[in-house]
Amino acid sequence: VILAHYYQDPAIQDIADFIGDSLEL
């Protein structure tokens, strides 16, 4: 599973399974 924090590059956000804040992820 790929997690991406809100502060990641948009290209990484777009392929993540979950996007959010660190603990939530």
mmCIF file of all heavy atoms, coordinates in Angstrom:
data_MODEL
# 
_entry.id   MODEL 
# 
loop_
_atom_site.group_PDB 
_atom_site.id 
_atom_site.type_symbol 
_atom_site.label_atom_id 
_atom_site.label_alt_id 
_atom_site.label_comp_id 
_atom_site.label_asym_id 
_atom_site.label_entity_id 
_atom_site.label_seq_id 
_atom_site.pdbx_PDB_ins_code 
_atom_site.Cartn_x 
_atom_site.Cartn_y 
_atom_site.Cartn_z 
_atom_site.occupancy 
_atom_site.B_iso_or_equiv 
_atom_site.pdbx_formal_charge 
_atom_site.auth_seq_id 
_atom_site.auth_comp_id 
_atom_site.auth_asym_id 
_atom_site.auth_atom_id 
_atom_site.pdbx_PDB_model_num 
ATOM 1   N N   . VAL A 1 1  ? 0.866  -1.166 0.000  1.00 0.00 ? 1  VAL A N   1 
ATOM 2   C CA  . VAL A 1 1  ? 0.000  0.000  0.000  1.00 0.00 ? 1  VAL A CA  1 
ATOM 3   C C   . VAL A 1 1  ? 0.911  1.227  0.000  1.00 0.00 ? 1  VAL A C   1 
ATOM 4   O O   . VAL A 1 1  ? 1.928  1.259  0.695  1.00 0.00 ? 1  VAL A O   1 
ATOM 5   C CB  . VAL A 1 1  ? -0.952 0.002  1.220  1.00 0.00 ? 1  VAL A CB  1 
ATOM 6   C CG1 . VAL A 1 1  ? -0.183 0.048  2.532  1.00 0.00 ? 1  VAL A CG1 1 
ATOM 7   C CG2 . VAL A 1 1  ? -1.935 1.164  1.147  1.00 0.00 ? 1  VAL A CG2 1 
ATOM 8   N N   . ILE A 1 2  ? 0.563  2.215  -0.812 1.00 0.00 ? 2  ILE A N   1 
ATOM 9   C CA  . ILE A 1 2  ? 1.376  3.432  -0.921 1.00 0.00 ? 2  ILE A CA  1 
ATOM 10  C C   . ILE A 1 2  ? 0.662  4.571  -0.220 1.00 0.00 ? 2  ILE A C   1 
ATOM 11  O O   . ILE A 1 2  ? -0.498 4.888  -0.517 1.00 0.00 ? 2  ILE A O   1 
ATOM 12  C CB  . ILE A 1 2  ? 1.640  3.793  -2.394 1.00 0.00 ? 2  ILE A CB  1 
ATOM 13  C CG1 . ILE A 1 2  ? 2.435  2.672  -3.078 1.00 0.00 ? 2  ILE A CG1 1 
ATOM 14  C CG2 . ILE A 1 2  ? 2.406  5.118  -2.494 1.00 0.00 ? 2  ILE A CG2 1 
ATOM 15  C CD1 . ILE A 1 2  ? 2.640  2.885  -4.566 1.00 0.00 ? 2  ILE A CD1 1 
ATOM 16  N N   . LEU A 1 3  ? 1.359  5.182  0.732  1.00 0.00 ? 3  LEU A N   1 
ATOM 17  C CA  . LEU A 1 3  ? 0.846  6.322  1.484  1.00 0.00 ? 3  LEU A CA  1 
ATOM 18  C C   . LEU A 1 3  ? 1.568  7.585  1.028  1.00 0.00 ? 3  LEU A C   1 
ATOM 19  O O   . LEU A 1 3  ? 2.788  7.571  0.855  1.00 0.00 ? 3  LEU A O   1 
ATOM 20  C CB  . LEU A 1 3  ? 1.077  6.139  2.982  1.00 0.00 ? 3  LEU A CB  1 
ATOM 21  C CG  . LEU A 1 3  ? 0.681  4.795  3.606  1.00 0.00 ? 3  LEU A CG  1 
ATOM 22  C CD1 . LEU A 1 3  ? 1.006  4.807  5.092  1.00 0.00 ? 3  LEU A CD1 1 
ATOM 23  C CD2 . LEU A 1 3  ? -0.792 4.506  3.373  1.00 0.00 ? 3  LEU A CD2 1 
ATOM 24  N N   . ALA A 1 4  ? 0.847  8.669  0.865  1.00 0.00 ? 4  ALA A N   1 
ATOM 25  C CA  . ALA A 1 4  ? 1.467  9.940  0.492  1.00 0.00 ? 4  ALA A CA  1 
ATOM 26  C C   . ALA A 1 4  ? 0.957  11.041 1.404  1.00 0.00 ? 4  ALA A C   1 
ATOM 27  O O   . ALA A 1 4  ? -0.254 11.249 1.527  1.00 0.00 ? 4  ALA A O   1 
ATOM 28  C CB  . ALA A 1 4  ? 1.180  10.286 -0.965 1.00 0.00 ? 4  ALA A CB  1 
ATOM 29  N N   . HIS A 1 5  ? 1.885  11.734 2.036  1.00 0.00 ? 5  HIS A N   1 
ATOM 30  C CA  . HIS A 1 5  ? 1.503  12.900 2.832  1.00 0.00 ? 5  HIS A CA  1 
ATOM 31  C C   . HIS A 1 5  ? 1.077  14.023 1.900  1.00 0.00 ? 5  HIS A C   1 
ATOM 32  O O   . HIS A 1 5  ? 1.488  14.086 0.743  1.00 0.00 ? 5  HIS A O   1 
ATOM 33  C CB  . HIS A 1 5  ? 2.677  13.343 3.719  1.00 0.00 ? 5  HIS A CB  1 
ATOM 34  C CG  . HIS A 1 5  ? 2.287  14.355 4.741  1.00 0.00 ? 5  HIS A CG  1 
ATOM 35  N ND1 . HIS A 1 5  ? 2.313  15.711 4.490  1.00 0.00 ? 5  HIS A ND1 1 
ATOM 36  C CD2 . HIS A 1 5  ? 1.846  14.220 6.022  1.00 0.00 ? 5  HIS A CD2 1 
ATOM 37  C CE1 . HIS A 1 5  ? 1.914  16.362 5.578  1.00 0.00 ? 5  HIS A CE1 1 
ATOM 38  N NE2 . HIS A 1 5  ? 1.615  15.481 6.507  1.00 0.00 ? 5  HIS A NE2 1 
ATOM 39  N N   . TYR A 1 6  ? 0.244  14.925 2.423  1.00 0.00 ? 6  TYR A N   1 
ATOM 40  C CA  . TYR A 1 6  ? -0.230 16.070 1.647  1.00 0.00 ? 6  TYR A CA  1 
ATOM 41  C C   . TYR A 1 6  ? 0.915  16.915 1.085  1.00 0.00 ? 6  TYR A C   1 
ATOM 42  O O   . TYR A 1 6  ? 0.712  17.668 0.131  1.00 0.00 ? 6  TYR A O   1 
ATOM 43  C CB  . TYR A 1 6  ? -1.094 16.976 2.528  1.00 0.00 ? 6  TYR A CB  1 
ATOM 44  C CG  . TYR A 1 6  ? -2.477 16.462 2.831  1.00 0.00 ? 6  TYR A CG  1 
ATOM 45  C CD1 . TYR A 1 6  ? -2.915 16.387 4.157  1.00 0.00 ? 6  TYR A CD1 1 
ATOM 46  C CD2 . TYR A 1 6  ? -3.359 16.094 1.818  1.00 0.00 ? 6  TYR A CD2 1 
ATOM 47  C CE1 . TYR A 1 6  ? -4.201 15.949 4.454  1.00 0.00 ? 6  TYR A CE1 1 
ATOM 48  C CE2 . TYR A 1 6  ? -4.638 15.656 2.113  1.00 0.00 ? 6  TYR A CE2 1 
ATOM 49  C CZ  . TYR A 1 6  ? -5.052 15.587 3.434  1.00 0.00 ? 6  TYR A CZ  1 
ATOM 50  O OH  . TYR A 1 6  ? -6.326 15.156 3.724  1.00 0.00 ? 6  TYR A OH  1 
ATOM 51  N N   . TYR A 1 7  ? 2.087  16.837 1.696  1.00 0.00 ? 7  TYR A N   1 
ATOM 52  C CA  . TYR A 1 7  ? 3.196  17.686 1.273  1.00 0.00 ? 7  TYR A CA  1 
ATOM 53  C C   . TYR A 1 7  ? 4.073  17.040 0.204  1.00 0.00 ? 7  TYR A C   1 
ATOM 54  O O   . TYR A 1 7  ? 5.115  17.583 -0.166 1.00 0.00 ? 7  TYR A O   1 
ATOM 55  C CB  . TYR A 1 7  ? 4.073  18.049 2.477  1.00 0.00 ? 7  TYR A CB  1 
ATOM 56  C CG  . TYR A 1 7  ? 3.395  18.873 3.553  1.00 0.00 ? 7  TYR A CG  1 
ATOM 57  C CD1 . TYR A 1 7  ? 3.998  19.055 4.803  1.00 0.00 ? 7  TYR A CD1 1 
ATOM 58  C CD2 . TYR A 1 7  ? 2.157  19.470 3.343  1.00 0.00 ? 7  TYR A CD2 1 
ATOM 59  C CE1 . TYR A 1 7  ? 3.391  19.804 5.800  1.00 0.00 ? 7  TYR A CE1 1 
ATOM 60  C CE2 . TYR A 1 7  ? 1.537  20.211 4.338  1.00 0.00 ? 7  TYR A CE2 1 
ATOM 61  C CZ  . TYR A 1 7  ? 2.161  20.372 5.569  1.00 0.00 ? 7  TYR A CZ  1 
ATOM 62  O OH  . TYR A 1 7  ? 1.556  21.122 6.559  1.00 0.00 ? 7  TYR A OH  1 
ATOM 63  N N   . GLN A 1 8  ? 3.690  15.871 -0.282 1.00 0.00 ? 8  GLN A N   1 
ATOM 64  C CA  . GLN A 1 8  ? 4.461  15.228 -1.335 1.00 0.00 ? 8  GLN A CA  1 
ATOM 65  C C   . GLN A 1 8  ? 4.195  15.889 -2.695 1.00 0.00 ? 8  GLN A C   1 
ATOM 66  O O   . GLN A 1 8  ? 3.197  16.598 -2.886 1.00 0.00 ? 8  GLN A O   1 
ATOM 67  C CB  . GLN A 1 8  ? 4.099  13.744 -1.415 1.00 0.00 ? 8  GLN A CB  1 
ATOM 68  C CG  . GLN A 1 8  ? 4.588  12.929 -0.231 1.00 0.00 ? 8  GLN A CG  1 
ATOM 69  C CD  . GLN A 1 8  ? 6.105  12.841 -0.173 1.00 0.00 ? 8  GLN A CD  1 
ATOM 70  O OE1 . GLN A 1 8  ? 6.723  12.100 -0.923 1.00 0.00 ? 8  GLN A OE1 1 
ATOM 71  N NE2 . GLN A 1 8  ? 6.710  13.589 0.730  1.00 0.00 ? 8  GLN A NE2 1 
ATOM 72  N N   . ASP A 1 9  ? 5.100  15.611 -3.624 1.00 0.00 ? 9  ASP A N   1 
ATOM 73  C CA  . ASP A 1 9  ? 4.929  16.101 -4.984 1.00 0.00 ? 9  ASP A CA  1 
ATOM 74  C C   . ASP A 1 9  ? 3.592  15.594 -5.534 1.00 0.00 ? 9  ASP A C   1 
ATOM 75  O O   . ASP A 1 9  ? 3.194  14.451 -5.273 1.00 0.00 ? 9  ASP A O   1 
ATOM 76  C CB  . ASP A 1 9  ? 6.094  15.595 -5.846 1.00 0.00 ? 9  ASP A CB  1 
ATOM 77  C CG  . ASP A 1 9  ? 6.038  16.161 -7.246 1.00 0.00 ? 9  ASP A CG  1 
ATOM 78  O OD1 . ASP A 1 9  ? 5.400  15.532 -8.119 1.00 0.00 ? 9  ASP A OD1 1 
ATOM 79  O OD2 . ASP A 1 9  ? 6.637  17.226 -7.468 1.00 0.00 ? 9  ASP A OD2 1 
ATOM 80  N N   . PRO A 1 10 ? 2.875  16.412 -6.299 1.00 0.00 ? 10 PRO A N   1 
ATOM 81  C CA  . PRO A 1 10 ? 1.577  15.975 -6.837 1.00 0.00 ? 10 PRO A CA  1 
ATOM 82  C C   . PRO A 1 10 ? 1.626  14.653 -7.594 1.00 0.00 ? 10 PRO A C   1 
ATOM 83  O O   . PRO A 1 10 ? 0.670  13.870 -7.535 1.00 0.00 ? 10 PRO A O   1 
ATOM 84  C CB  . PRO A 1 10 ? 1.185  17.138 -7.763 1.00 0.00 ? 10 PRO A CB  1 
ATOM 85  C CG  . PRO A 1 10 ? 1.803  18.341 -7.118 1.00 0.00 ? 10 PRO A CG  1 
ATOM 86  C CD  . PRO A 1 10 ? 3.116  17.849 -6.577 1.00 0.00 ? 10 PRO A CD  1 
ATOM 87  N N   . ALA A 1 11 ? 2.724  14.379 -8.295 1.00 0.00 ? 11 ALA A N   1 
ATOM 88  C CA  . ALA A 1 11 ? 2.809  13.120 -9.045 1.00 0.00 ? 11 ALA A CA  1 
ATOM 89  C C   . ALA A 1 11 ? 2.758  11.918 -8.120 1.00 0.00 ? 11 ALA A C   1 
ATOM 90  O O   . ALA A 1 11 ? 2.198  10.877 -8.472 1.00 0.00 ? 11 ALA A O   1 
ATOM 91  C CB  . ALA A 1 11 ? 4.105  13.105 -9.863 1.00 0.00 ? 11 ALA A CB  1 
ATOM 92  N N   . ILE A 1 12 ? 3.326  12.039 -6.931 1.00 0.00 ? 12 ILE A N   1 
ATOM 93  C CA  . ILE A 1 12 ? 3.276  10.949 -5.954 1.00 0.00 ? 12 ILE A CA  1 
ATOM 94  C C   . ILE A 1 12 ? 1.888  10.868 -5.330 1.00 0.00 ? 12 ILE A C   1 
ATOM 95  O O   . ILE A 1 12 ? 1.333  9.780  -5.140 1.00 0.00 ? 12 ILE A O   1 
ATOM 96  C CB  . ILE A 1 12 ? 4.375  11.132 -4.887 1.00 0.00 ? 12 ILE A CB  1 
ATOM 97  C CG1 . ILE A 1 12 ? 5.754  10.887 -5.514 1.00 0.00 ? 12 ILE A CG1 1 
ATOM 98  C CG2 . ILE A 1 12 ? 4.148  10.194 -3.701 1.00 0.00 ? 12 ILE A CG2 1 
ATOM 99  C CD1 . ILE A 1 12 ? 6.917  11.050 -4.559 1.00 0.00 ? 12 ILE A CD1 1 
ATOM 100 N N   . GLN A 1 13 ? 1.300  12.025 -5.019 1.00 0.00 ? 13 GLN A N   1 
ATOM 101 C CA  . GLN A 1 13 ? -0.060 12.015 -4.477 1.00 0.00 ? 13 GLN A CA  1 
ATOM 102 C C   . GLN A 1 13 ? -1.025 11.293 -5.418 1.00 0.00 ? 13 GLN A C   1 
ATOM 103 O O   . GLN A 1 13 ? -1.911 10.552 -4.982 1.00 0.00 ? 13 GLN A O   1 
ATOM 104 C CB  . GLN A 1 13 ? -0.548 13.444 -4.248 1.00 0.00 ? 13 GLN A CB  1 
ATOM 105 C CG  . GLN A 1 13 ? 0.193  14.214 -3.162 1.00 0.00 ? 13 GLN A CG  1 
ATOM 106 C CD  . GLN A 1 13 ? -0.457 15.554 -2.876 1.00 0.00 ? 13 GLN A CD  1 
ATOM 107 O OE1 . GLN A 1 13 ? -1.678 15.674 -2.831 1.00 0.00 ? 13 GLN A OE1 1 
ATOM 108 N NE2 . GLN A 1 13 ? 0.360  16.580 -2.658 1.00 0.00 ? 13 GLN A NE2 1 
ATOM 109 N N   . ASP A 1 14 ? -0.827 11.486 -6.713 1.00 0.00 ? 14 ASP A N   1 
ATOM 110 C CA  . ASP A 1 14 ? -1.780 10.962 -7.689 1.00 0.00 ? 14 ASP A CA  1 
ATOM 111 C C   . ASP A 1 14 ? -1.722 9.445  -7.841 1.00 0.00 ? 14 ASP A C   1 
ATOM 112 O O   . ASP A 1 14 ? -2.666 8.845  -8.388 1.00 0.00 ? 14 ASP A O   1 
ATOM 113 C CB  . ASP A 1 14 ? -1.554 11.626 -9.047 1.00 0.00 ? 14 ASP A CB  1 
ATOM 114 C CG  . ASP A 1 14 ? -2.053 13.072 -9.086 1.00 0.00 ? 14 ASP A CG  1 
ATOM 115 O OD1 . ASP A 1 14 ? -2.830 13.447 -8.187 1.00 0.00 ? 14 ASP A OD1 1 
ATOM 116 O OD2 . ASP A 1 14 ? -1.656 13.815 -9.997 1.00 0.00 ? 14 ASP A OD2 1 
ATOM 117 N N   . ILE A 1 15 ? -0.636 8.797  -7.388 1.00 0.00 ? 15 ILE A N   1 
ATOM 118 C CA  . ILE A 1 15 ? -0.587 7.335  -7.502 1.00 0.00 ? 15 ILE A CA  1 
ATOM 119 C C   . ILE A 1 15 ? -0.711 6.647  -6.145 1.00 0.00 ? 15 ILE A C   1 
ATOM 120 O O   . ILE A 1 15 ? -0.649 5.417  -6.071 1.00 0.00 ? 15 ILE A O   1 
ATOM 121 C CB  . ILE A 1 15 ? 0.708  6.863  -8.209 1.00 0.00 ? 15 ILE A CB  1 
ATOM 122 C CG1 . ILE A 1 15 ? 1.943  7.220  -7.376 1.00 0.00 ? 15 ILE A CG1 1 
ATOM 123 C CG2 . ILE A 1 15 ? 0.811  7.441  -9.604 1.00 0.00 ? 15 ILE A CG2 1 
ATOM 124 C CD1 . ILE A 1 15 ? 3.196  6.556  -7.912 1.00 0.00 ? 15 ILE A CD1 1 
ATOM 125 N N   . ALA A 1 16 ? -0.900 7.421  -5.085 1.00 0.00 ? 16 ALA A N   1 
ATOM 126 C CA  . ALA A 1 16 ? -0.997 6.840  -3.746 1.00 0.00 ? 16 ALA A CA  1 
ATOM 127 C C   . ALA A 1 16 ? -2.366 6.204  -3.519 1.00 0.00 ? 16 ALA A C   1 
ATOM 128 O O   . ALA A 1 16 ? -3.367 6.616  -4.101 1.00 0.00 ? 16 ALA A O   1 
ATOM 129 C CB  . ALA A 1 16 ? -0.734 7.908  -2.699 1.00 0.00 ? 16 ALA A CB  1 
ATOM 130 N N   . ASP A 1 17 ? -2.383 5.206  -2.638 1.00 0.00 ? 17 ASP A N   1 
ATOM 131 C CA  . ASP A 1 17 ? -3.645 4.595  -2.225 1.00 0.00 ? 17 ASP A CA  1 
ATOM 132 C C   . ASP A 1 17 ? -4.367 5.465  -1.211 1.00 0.00 ? 17 ASP A C   1 
ATOM 133 O O   . ASP A 1 17 ? -5.604 5.521  -1.190 1.00 0.00 ? 17 ASP A O   1 
ATOM 134 C CB  . ASP A 1 17 ? -3.382 3.212  -1.626 1.00 0.00 ? 17 ASP A CB  1 
ATOM 135 C CG  . ASP A 1 17 ? -2.803 2.256  -2.647 1.00 0.00 ? 17 ASP A CG  1 
ATOM 136 O OD1 . ASP A 1 17 ? -3.515 1.900  -3.594 1.00 0.00 ? 17 ASP A OD1 1 
ATOM 137 O OD2 . ASP A 1 17 ? -1.620 1.872  -2.508 1.00 0.00 ? 17 ASP A OD2 1 
ATOM 138 N N   . PHE A 1 18 ? -3.580 6.107  -0.342 1.00 0.00 ? 18 PHE A N   1 
ATOM 139 C CA  . PHE A 1 18 ? -4.142 7.001  0.667  1.00 0.00 ? 18 PHE A CA  1 
ATOM 140 C C   . PHE A 1 18 ? -3.307 8.278  0.716  1.00 0.00 ? 18 PHE A C   1 
ATOM 141 O O   . PHE A 1 18 ? -2.082 8.227  0.637  1.00 0.00 ? 18 PHE A O   1 
ATOM 142 C CB  . PHE A 1 18 ? -4.136 6.345  2.055  1.00 0.00 ? 18 PHE A CB  1 
ATOM 143 C CG  . PHE A 1 18 ? -4.964 5.099  2.155  1.00 0.00 ? 18 PHE A CG  1 
ATOM 144 C CD1 . PHE A 1 18 ? -4.355 3.859  2.288  1.00 0.00 ? 18 PHE A CD1 1 
ATOM 145 C CD2 . PHE A 1 18 ? -6.351 5.152  2.114  1.00 0.00 ? 18 PHE A CD2 1 
ATOM 146 C CE1 . PHE A 1 18 ? -5.102 2.699  2.387  1.00 0.00 ? 18 PHE A CE1 1 
ATOM 147 C CE2 . PHE A 1 18 ? -7.119 3.998  2.208  1.00 0.00 ? 18 PHE A CE2 1 
ATOM 148 C CZ  . PHE A 1 18 ? -6.493 2.763  2.343  1.00 0.00 ? 18 PHE A CZ  1 
ATOM 149 N N   . ILE A 1 19 ? -3.995 9.411  0.850  1.00 0.00 ? 19 ILE A N   1 
ATOM 150 C CA  . ILE A 1 19 ? -3.345 10.716 0.985  1.00 0.00 ? 19 ILE A CA  1 
ATOM 151 C C   . ILE A 1 19 ? -3.878 11.339 2.267  1.00 0.00 ? 19 ILE A C   1 
ATOM 152 O O   . ILE A 1 19 ? -5.080 11.261 2.553  1.00 0.00 ? 19 ILE A O   1 
ATOM 153 C CB  . ILE A 1 19 ? -3.690 11.634 -0.207 1.00 0.00 ? 19 ILE A CB  1 
ATOM 154 C CG1 . ILE A 1 19 ? -3.357 10.936 -1.523 1.00 0.00 ? 19 ILE A CG1 1 
ATOM 155 C CG2 . ILE A 1 19 ? -2.943 12.959 -0.116 1.00 0.00 ? 19 ILE A CG2 1 
ATOM 156 C CD1 . ILE A 1 19 ? -4.064 11.555 -2.716 1.00 0.00 ? 19 ILE A CD1 1 
ATOM 157 N N   . GLY A 1 20 ? -3.007 11.958 3.057  1.00 0.00 ? 20 GLY A N   1 
ATOM 158 C CA  . GLY A 1 20 ? -3.483 12.576 4.283  1.00 0.00 ? 20 GLY A CA  1 
ATOM 159 C C   . GLY A 1 20 ? -2.369 13.037 5.181  1.00 0.00 ? 20 GLY A C   1 
ATOM 160 O O   . GLY A 1 20 ? -1.216 13.195 4.756  1.00 0.00 ? 20 GLY A O   1 
ATOM 161 N N   . ASP A 1 21 ? -2.718 13.275 6.464  1.00 0.00 ? 21 ASP A N   1 
ATOM 162 C CA  . ASP A 1 21 ? -1.736 13.614 7.491  1.00 0.00 ? 21 ASP A CA  1 
ATOM 163 C C   . ASP A 1 21 ? -1.081 12.333 7.987  1.00 0.00 ? 21 ASP A C   1 
ATOM 164 O O   . ASP A 1 21 ? -1.613 11.235 7.794  1.00 0.00 ? 21 ASP A O   1 
ATOM 165 C CB  . ASP A 1 21 ? -2.414 14.347 8.655  1.00 0.00 ? 21 ASP A CB  1 
ATOM 166 C CG  . ASP A 1 21 ? -2.785 15.778 8.284  1.00 0.00 ? 21 ASP A CG  1 
ATOM 167 O OD1 . ASP A 1 21 ? -2.033 16.398 7.523  1.00 0.00 ? 21 ASP A OD1 1 
ATOM 168 O OD2 . ASP A 1 21 ? -3.830 16.261 8.751  1.00 0.00 ? 21 ASP A OD2 1 
ATOM 169 N N   . SER A 1 22 ? 0.048  12.469 8.666  1.00 0.00 ? 22 SER A N   1 
ATOM 170 C CA  . SER A 1 22 ? 0.897  11.308 8.953  1.00 0.00 ? 22 SER A CA  1 
ATOM 171 C C   . SER A 1 22 ? 0.231  10.226 9.798  1.00 0.00 ? 22 SER A C   1 
ATOM 172 O O   . SER A 1 22 ? 0.231  9.052  9.421  1.00 0.00 ? 22 SER A O   1 
ATOM 173 C CB  . SER A 1 22 ? 2.194  11.771 9.621  1.00 0.00 ? 22 SER A CB  1 
ATOM 174 O OG  . SER A 1 22 ? 1.933  12.444 10.841 1.00 0.00 ? 22 SER A OG  1 
ATOM 175 N N   . LEU A 1 23 ? -0.356 10.578 10.942 1.00 0.00 ? 23 LEU A N   1 
ATOM 176 C CA  . LEU A 1 23 ? -0.941 9.554  11.814 1.00 0.00 ? 23 LEU A CA  1 
ATOM 177 C C   . LEU A 1 23 ? -2.163 8.915  11.171 1.00 0.00 ? 23 LEU A C   1 
ATOM 178 O O   . LEU A 1 23 ? -2.362 7.700  11.248 1.00 0.00 ? 23 LEU A O   1 
ATOM 179 C CB  . LEU A 1 23 ? -1.300 10.151 13.171 1.00 0.00 ? 23 LEU A CB  1 
ATOM 180 C CG  . LEU A 1 23 ? -1.831 9.146  14.197 1.00 0.00 ? 23 LEU A CG  1 
ATOM 181 C CD1 . LEU A 1 23 ? -0.792 8.076  14.507 1.00 0.00 ? 23 LEU A CD1 1 
ATOM 182 C CD2 . LEU A 1 23 ? -2.249 9.859  15.477 1.00 0.00 ? 23 LEU A CD2 1 
ATOM 183 N N   . GLU A 1 24 ? -2.963 9.727  10.516 1.00 0.00 ? 24 GLU A N   1 
ATOM 184 C CA  . GLU A 1 24 ? -4.141 9.210  9.810  1.00 0.00 ? 24 GLU A CA  1 
ATOM 185 C C   . GLU A 1 24 ? -3.718 8.154  8.781  1.00 0.00 ? 24 GLU A C   1 
ATOM 186 O O   . GLU A 1 24 ? -4.353 7.104  8.650  1.00 0.00 ? 24 GLU A O   1 
ATOM 187 C CB  . GLU A 1 24 ? -4.847 10.375 9.116  1.00 0.00 ? 24 GLU A CB  1 
ATOM 188 C CG  . GLU A 1 24 ? -5.953 9.978  8.154  1.00 0.00 ? 24 GLU A CG  1 
ATOM 189 C CD  . GLU A 1 24 ? -6.354 11.128 7.234  1.00 0.00 ? 24 GLU A CD  1 
ATOM 190 O OE1 . GLU A 1 24 ? -5.777 12.224 7.338  1.00 0.00 ? 24 GLU A OE1 1 
ATOM 191 O OE2 . GLU A 1 24 ? -7.248 10.902 6.402  1.00 0.00 ? 24 GLU A OE2 1 
ATOM 192 N N   . LEU A 1 25 ? -2.636 8.424  8.060  1.00 0.00 ? 25 LEU A N   1 
ATOM 193 C CA  . LEU A 1 25 ? -2.150 7.478  7.054  1.00 0.00 ? 25 LEU A CA  1 
ATOM 194 C C   . LEU A 1 25 ? -1.686 6.174  7.689  1.00 0.00 ? 25 LEU A C   1 
ATOM 195 O O   . LEU A 1 25 ? -1.984 5.083  7.194  1.00 0.00 ? 25 LEU A O   1 
ATOM 196 C CB  . LEU A 1 25 ? -1.013 8.109  6.261  1.00 0.00 ? 25 LEU A CB  1 
ATOM 197 C CG  . LEU A 1 25 ? -1.399 9.236  5.304  1.00 0.00 ? 25 LEU A CG  1 
ATOM 198 C CD1 . LEU A 1 25 ? -0.145 9.866  4.700  1.00 0.00 ? 25 LEU A CD1 1 
ATOM 199 C CD2 . LEU A 1 25 ? -2.319 8.732  4.200  1.00 0.00 ? 25 LEU A CD2 1 
# 
